[in-house]
Protein backbone atom coordinates (compact mmCIF):
# COMPACT_ATOMS: atom_id res chain seq x y z
CA ALA A 1 0.00 0.00 0.00
CA LYS A 2 1.22 3.47 -0.77
CA LEU A 3 1.60 5.58 2.34
CA GLU A 4 2.79 8.86 0.88
CA GLY A 5 0.55 11.66 2.11
CA ARG A 6 -1.68 9.33 4.12
CA VAL A 7 -2.11 8.84 7.84
CA ALA A 8 -0.51 5.53 8.86
CA VAL A 9 -1.94 3.99 12.02
CA LEU A 10 0.05 1.19 13.65
CA VAL A 11 -2.02 -0.78 16.17
CA ASP A 12 -0.76 -3.19 18.81
CA ASP A 13 -2.28 -4.93 21.83
CA GLY A 14 -0.02 -2.94 24.13
CA ILE A 15 3.50 -1.65 24.50
CA ALA A 16 6.01 -2.40 27.24
CA THR A 17 9.44 -1.06 26.20
CA GLY A 18 8.23 0.34 22.88
CA LEU A 19 11.34 -0.73 20.98
CA THR A 20 9.48 -2.70 18.32
CA ALA A 21 6.76 -0.06 17.92
CA ARG A 22 9.31 2.74 17.58
CA ALA A 23 11.23 0.75 14.96
CA ALA A 24 7.99 0.11 13.05
CA ALA A 25 7.03 3.80 13.22
CA ARG A 26 10.44 4.82 11.88
CA ALA A 27 10.22 2.25 9.06
CA VAL A 28 6.77 3.52 8.05
CA SER A 29 8.01 7.13 8.23
CA ARG A 30 10.47 6.37 5.41
CA HIS A 31 7.45 6.05 3.08
CA SER A 32 6.49 9.74 3.54
CA PRO A 33 3.12 9.45 5.24
CA ARG A 34 1.44 12.67 6.34
CA GLU A 35 1.47 11.31 9.88
CA VAL A 36 2.32 8.13 11.77
CA VAL A 37 0.18 7.23 14.78
CA VAL A 38 0.92 4.32 17.08
CA ALA A 39 -2.30 3.26 18.85
CA VAL A 40 -2.40 0.92 21.84
CA PRO A 41 -4.77 0.32 24.72
CA VAL A 42 -2.03 0.26 27.37
CA ALA A 43 1.57 1.43 27.79
CA PRO A 44 3.77 2.41 30.74
CA PRO A 45 4.16 6.15 31.44
CA GLU A 46 7.92 6.11 30.78
CA THR A 47 7.38 4.62 27.32
CA VAL A 48 4.82 7.31 26.52
CA ARG A 49 7.39 9.94 27.54
CA GLU A 50 10.07 8.30 25.36
CA PHE A 51 7.78 8.38 22.32
CA ALA A 52 7.04 12.06 22.91
CA ALA A 53 10.75 12.86 23.35
CA GLU A 54 11.41 11.27 19.94
CA GLY A 55 8.57 13.19 18.30
CA LEU A 56 6.50 10.04 17.75
CA ARG A 57 2.73 10.11 18.25
CA LEU A 58 1.46 7.47 20.65
CA GLU A 59 -2.23 7.23 21.49
CA THR A 60 -3.06 5.08 24.50
CA LEU A 61 -6.11 4.56 26.69
CA GLU A 62 -4.26 3.69 29.90
CA THR A 63 -0.79 4.42 31.29
CA PRO A 64 -0.74 2.48 34.57
CA SER A 65 2.11 2.60 37.03
CA PRO A 66 3.46 0.18 38.04
CA PHE A 67 3.07 -1.42 34.64
CA GLY A 68 4.32 -5.01 34.78
CA ALA A 69 3.42 -6.74 31.51
CA VAL A 70 0.87 -6.11 28.76
CA GLY A 71 -0.86 -9.44 29.35
CA ARG A 72 -1.97 -8.55 32.86
CA PHE A 73 -4.43 -6.00 31.43
CA TYR A 74 -6.38 -8.64 29.49
CA LEU A 75 -8.81 -11.34 30.58
CA ASP A 76 -7.96 -13.30 27.39
CA PHE A 77 -4.44 -12.71 26.08
CA ARG A 78 -4.15 -15.67 23.74
CA GLN A 79 -2.19 -15.38 20.50
CA VAL A 80 -4.34 -14.28 17.55
CA GLU A 81 -3.78 -16.64 14.65
CA ASP A 82 -3.01 -15.38 11.13
CA ASP A 83 -6.21 -16.97 9.80
CA GLU A 84 -8.28 -14.97 12.31
CA VAL A 85 -6.69 -11.72 11.16
CA LYS A 86 -7.19 -12.60 7.49
CA ALA A 87 -10.87 -13.41 8.12
CA VAL A 88 -11.46 -10.05 9.82
CA LEU A 89 -9.72 -8.19 7.00
CA ARG A 90 -11.76 -10.05 4.37
CA ARG A 91 -14.99 -9.40 6.26
CA HIS A 92 -14.27 -5.67 6.28
CA GLY A 93 -13.13 -5.43 2.66
CA ASN A 94 -9.42 -4.89 3.29
CA GLY A 95 -8.02 -8.35 2.68
């Protein structure tokens, strides 16, 4: 997909250190989007500050402290299988 001039939204189930999400945001930025937004339901406050310090946009619903691990904020934190993702994308016309 061409990202130039578009808003790129990267979504994850949560961020702990943010290293992978920051690397992904930088990689997407090389394709000249208008904006890159990383969206997660939960991230630790220090990670949110690190994103801001690097000029990266991070949208999160909760920033609990102490944080622990992403999985503790879910009742069901099982791995989502590729086939499940493909089915959702097909159902919504993006796959």
